[in-house]
Amino acid sequence: MNAKHTEQKGNLKTAVLVVVLILLVYLLASFFADQRFEALESDTRLLISEQNTILATIAETTARNGADLVTESIVKDCSLNERSSFDTLLGNLNNGLSQSQLVELERLFGRCGSFYSERKSVMVSRLVRETEIYTTYVDQLSAILDEDVSEDYKLSSWQQLSVQEQRISELFAELVVKQDRIINTLLSGSSPQSEEIQTILQEVNEVQQTLIVSNTQVATLRSELVSF
């Protein structure tokens, strides 16, 4: 009887020990899992913060129609002398240029005319790409926390800014095309007062008005995201 009782006590102790060990393993696994999630959350928040700084820098540079080192290495302007001549001829376009001046303007246009538009386009492309990366990080944090944190990080506003900047870039490119049309139309013999030129100028004015409105909207949105 005593032997049986001793055996039962031994089995009970073994069972208790097994339960304790299982519980310990569970607690340790939970602890390390929590540690990993906390580390992942911390790392993701850091990535978001760093990405936000990148976005703010690109947004500020784009706002003043500037360029960072990456963009400057991609888009090159014409020489200083060519830029000076191009700007002078373009500024006098409405006053009437001789045929030789128009020919020179057309030549310089091919080298200088699209520089600012192309630079703007590359900067906006960078903004769009960095916004996509930012979106990935914010979505990752939402998944880690099992809650939507996009509003906390103004994700929608950043996405909206990139879309609006894309639209402005397209309008800039449209102006360049219309400038080229004006030069070619004048080269074909039309006068600055001709109906064809006036039609293009009206189109230019409409694009410029749209740009004014778009720039105002973007400036308001940008001010909510970036402190200058």
Protein backbone atom coordinates (compact mmCIF):
# COMPACT_ATOMS: atom_id res chain seq x y z
CA MET A 1 0.00 0.00 0.00
CA ASN A 2 2.82 2.35 0.97
CA ALA A 3 4.65 1.46 -2.23
CA LYS A 4 1.57 2.26 -4.29
CA HIS A 5 1.07 5.54 -2.44
CA THR A 6 4.71 6.44 -3.00
CA GLU A 7 4.38 5.67 -6.70
CA GLN A 8 1.28 7.87 -6.97
CA LYS A 9 3.09 10.73 -5.24
CA GLY A 10 5.99 10.26 -7.61
CA ASN A 11 3.69 10.35 -10.63
CA LEU A 12 1.98 13.48 -9.29
CA LYS A 13 5.30 15.23 -8.79
CA THR A 14 6.33 14.24 -12.30
CA ALA A 15 3.05 15.58 -13.70
CA VAL A 16 3.42 18.83 -11.78
CA LEU A 17 7.01 19.16 -12.98
CA VAL A 18 5.92 18.62 -16.57
CA VAL A 19 3.18 21.24 -16.22
CA VAL A 20 5.64 23.69 -14.65
CA LEU A 21 8.14 23.07 -17.43
CA ILE A 22 5.47 23.55 -20.11
CA LEU A 23 4.33 26.75 -18.43
CA LEU A 24 7.93 27.96 -18.17
CA VAL A 25 8.58 27.23 -21.83
CA TYR A 26 5.35 29.06 -22.74
CA LEU A 27 6.26 32.06 -20.61
CA LEU A 28 9.78 32.19 -22.04
CA ALA A 29 8.46 31.88 -25.59
CA SER A 30 5.93 34.64 -24.93
CA PHE A 31 8.63 36.81 -23.38
CA PHE A 32 11.00 36.44 -26.32
CA ALA A 33 8.15 36.91 -28.79
CA ASP A 34 7.17 40.14 -27.04
CA GLN A 35 10.80 41.22 -27.08
CA ARG A 36 11.04 40.54 -30.80
CA PHE A 37 7.82 42.46 -31.50
CA GLU A 38 8.98 45.37 -29.36
CA ALA A 39 12.31 45.44 -31.21
CA LEU A 40 10.53 45.22 -34.56
CA GLU A 41 8.15 48.01 -33.55
CA SER A 42 11.05 50.19 -32.40
CA ASP A 43 13.02 49.55 -35.58
CA THR A 44 10.00 50.31 -37.76
CA ARG A 45 9.28 53.56 -35.92
CA LEU A 46 12.88 54.56 -36.47
CA LEU A 47 12.63 53.78 -40.19
CA ILE A 48 9.45 55.86 -40.40
CA SER A 49 11.14 58.78 -38.65
CA GLU A 50 14.16 58.64 -40.97
CA GLN A 51 11.91 58.33 -44.03
CA ASN A 52 9.85 61.30 -42.86
CA THR A 53 13.04 63.37 -42.76
CA ILE A 54 13.89 62.30 -46.31
CA LEU A 55 10.40 63.22 -47.50
CA ALA A 56 10.54 66.62 -45.79
CA THR A 57 13.89 67.40 -47.42
CA ILE A 58 12.70 66.41 -50.90
CA ALA A 59 9.41 68.29 -50.44
CA GLU A 60 11.24 71.46 -49.40
CA THR A 61 13.70 71.21 -52.30
CA THR A 62 10.89 70.56 -54.76
CA ALA A 63 8.94 73.53 -53.39
CA ARG A 64 11.69 75.95 -54.44
CA ASN A 65 12.20 74.16 -57.77
CA GLY A 66 15.62 73.08 -56.62
CA ALA A 67 17.45 69.78 -56.93
CA ASP A 68 19.42 67.45 -54.70
CA LEU A 69 22.76 65.90 -55.61
CA VAL A 70 21.14 62.84 -57.14
CA THR A 71 18.99 64.92 -59.48
CA GLU A 72 21.84 67.27 -60.36
CA SER A 73 23.88 64.28 -61.46
CA ILE A 74 21.05 63.15 -63.74
CA VAL A 75 19.79 66.41 -65.25
CA LYS A 76 22.41 68.81 -66.62
CA ASP A 77 21.78 72.41 -67.66
CA CYS A 78 23.28 74.04 -70.71
CA SER A 79 26.34 76.28 -70.30
CA LEU A 80 26.07 79.66 -68.57
CA ASN A 81 26.54 81.52 -71.86
CA GLU A 82 23.87 79.43 -73.56
CA ARG A 83 21.50 79.91 -70.62
CA SER A 84 22.03 83.68 -70.71
CA SER A 85 21.44 83.87 -74.46
CA PHE A 86 18.41 81.59 -74.27
CA ASP A 87 16.77 83.58 -71.46
CA THR A 88 17.39 86.87 -73.29
CA LEU A 89 15.94 85.64 -76.58
CA LEU A 90 12.99 83.98 -74.86
CA GLY A 91 12.26 87.16 -72.94
CA ASN A 92 12.11 89.15 -76.19
CA LEU A 93 10.03 86.58 -78.03
CA ASN A 94 6.81 88.60 -77.81
CA ASN A 95 8.59 91.75 -79.02
CA GLY A 96 9.52 90.11 -82.31
CA LEU A 97 12.77 88.38 -83.23
CA SER A 98 14.57 88.22 -86.54
CA GLN A 99 14.68 84.94 -88.44
CA SER A 100 18.28 84.36 -87.42
CA GLN A 101 17.41 85.02 -83.78
CA LEU A 102 14.52 82.57 -83.98
CA VAL A 103 16.82 79.94 -85.46
CA GLU A 104 19.28 80.53 -82.62
CA LEU A 105 16.46 80.40 -80.08
CA GLU A 106 15.26 77.08 -81.49
CA ARG A 107 18.80 75.68 -81.26
CA LEU A 108 19.18 76.83 -77.68
CA PHE A 109 15.74 75.57 -76.81
CA GLY A 110 16.88 72.05 -77.60
CA ARG A 111 19.72 72.45 -75.11
CA CYS A 112 18.18 74.65 -72.41
CA GLY A 113 14.41 74.73 -72.81
CA SER A 114 13.38 71.65 -70.86
CA PHE A 115 16.02 71.77 -68.10
CA TYR A 116 13.84 73.08 -65.26
CA SER A 117 10.92 70.90 -66.28
CA GLU A 118 13.09 67.77 -66.39
CA ARG A 119 14.67 68.61 -63.05
CA LYS A 120 11.24 69.11 -61.53
CA SER A 121 10.12 65.79 -63.01
CA VAL A 122 13.04 63.87 -61.51
CA MET A 123 12.54 65.46 -58.09
CA VAL A 124 8.85 64.61 -58.15
CA SER A 125 9.66 61.04 -59.19
CA ARG A 126 11.93 60.80 -56.16
CA LEU A 127 9.17 62.20 -53.95
CA VAL A 128 6.73 59.61 -55.29
CA ARG A 129 9.20 56.76 -54.76
CA GLU A 130 10.10 57.84 -51.21
CA THR A 131 6.39 58.20 -50.40
CA GLU A 132 5.88 54.60 -51.52
CA ILE A 133 8.65 53.49 -49.15
CA TYR A 134 7.11 55.57 -46.36
CA THR A 135 3.75 53.89 -47.02
CA THR A 136 5.37 50.46 -46.73
CA TYR A 137 6.88 51.32 -43.34
CA VAL A 138 3.63 52.77 -41.97
CA ASP A 139 1.67 49.74 -43.20
CA GLN A 140 4.24 47.47 -41.55
CA LEU A 141 3.83 49.27 -38.21
CA SER A 142 0.04 49.00 -38.51
CA ALA A 143 0.42 45.24 -39.01
CA ILE A 144 2.75 44.93 -36.00
CA LEU A 145 0.40 46.86 -33.72
CA ASP A 146 -2.72 45.37 -35.31
CA GLU A 147 -4.20 48.86 -35.66
CA ASP A 148 -4.25 51.55 -38.34
CA VAL A 149 -1.61 54.19 -37.56
CA SER A 150 -1.65 55.88 -40.97
CA GLU A 151 -3.41 58.97 -39.61
CA ASP A 152 -0.78 59.35 -36.88
CA TYR A 153 1.90 59.61 -39.55
CA LYS A 154 -0.15 61.73 -42.00
CA LEU A 155 0.21 59.08 -44.65
CA SER A 156 -2.77 60.25 -46.70
CA SER A 157 -1.41 63.82 -46.79
CA TRP A 158 2.00 62.67 -48.00
CA GLN A 159 0.37 60.58 -50.71
CA GLN A 160 -1.80 63.52 -51.72
CA LEU A 161 1.24 65.80 -51.86
CA SER A 162 3.08 63.45 -54.21
CA VAL A 163 0.02 63.22 -56.49
CA GLN A 164 -0.39 67.00 -56.63
CA GLU A 165 3.33 67.54 -57.26
CA GLN A 166 3.07 65.08 -60.14
CA ARG A 167 0.28 67.20 -61.62
CA ILE A 168 2.38 70.36 -61.29
CA SER A 169 5.29 68.62 -62.99
CA GLU A 170 3.02 67.65 -65.87
CA LEU A 171 1.85 71.26 -66.20
CA PHE A 172 5.45 72.48 -66.33
CA ALA A 173 6.19 69.98 -69.10
CA GLU A 174 3.08 71.18 -70.95
CA LEU A 175 4.36 74.76 -70.84
CA VAL A 176 7.66 73.65 -72.36
CA VAL A 177 5.83 71.99 -75.24
CA LYS A 178 3.79 75.13 -75.86
CA GLN A 179 6.93 77.30 -75.84
CA ASP A 180 8.40 75.07 -78.50
CA ARG A 181 5.18 75.36 -80.53
CA ILE A 182 5.37 79.14 -80.37
CA ILE A 183 8.98 79.20 -81.58
CA ASN A 184 8.28 76.79 -84.43
CA THR A 185 5.15 78.70 -85.44
CA LEU A 186 7.12 81.94 -85.58
CA LEU A 187 9.85 80.20 -87.55
CA SER A 188 7.26 79.13 -90.10
CA GLY A 189 6.52 82.80 -90.80
CA SER A 190 3.64 83.65 -88.45
CA SER A 191 3.80 86.99 -86.66
CA PRO A 192 3.54 87.35 -82.87
CA GLN A 193 0.06 88.87 -83.42
CA SER A 194 -1.21 86.05 -85.63
CA GLU A 195 -4.31 84.10 -84.63
CA GLU A 196 -2.31 80.88 -84.32
CA ILE A 197 0.15 82.44 -81.88
CA GLN A 198 -2.64 84.08 -79.91
CA THR A 199 -4.38 80.71 -79.57
CA ILE A 200 -1.23 79.11 -78.18
CA LEU A 201 -0.71 82.06 -75.81
CA GLN A 202 -4.26 81.62 -74.55
CA GLU A 203 -3.49 77.96 -73.86
CA VAL A 204 -0.30 79.00 -72.06
CA ASN A 205 -2.30 81.43 -69.92
CA GLU A 206 -4.77 78.69 -68.97
CA VAL A 207 -1.95 76.36 -67.94
CA GLN A 208 -0.33 79.14 -65.91
CA GLN A 209 -3.59 79.85 -64.10
CA THR A 210 -3.97 76.17 -63.29
CA LEU A 211 -0.39 76.16 -61.99
CA ILE A 212 -1.13 79.08 -59.68
CA VAL A 213 -4.09 77.26 -58.16
CA SER A 214 -2.18 73.96 -57.91
CA ASN A 215 0.85 75.60 -56.32
CA THR A 216 -1.36 77.29 -53.73
CA GLN A 217 -3.01 73.99 -52.85
CA VAL A 218 0.33 72.20 -52.62
CA ALA A 219 1.83 74.98 -50.47
CA THR A 220 -1.03 74.66 -47.99
CA LEU A 221 -0.69 70.89 -47.83
CA ARG A 222 3.09 71.07 -47.56
CA SER A 223 2.90 73.52 -44.66
CA GLU A 224 0.92 70.90 -42.71
CA LEU A 225 3.67 68.33 -43.24
CA VAL A 226 6.93 70.26 -43.21
CA SER A 227 8.17 73.01 -40.91
CA PHE A 228 10.52 75.30 -42.82
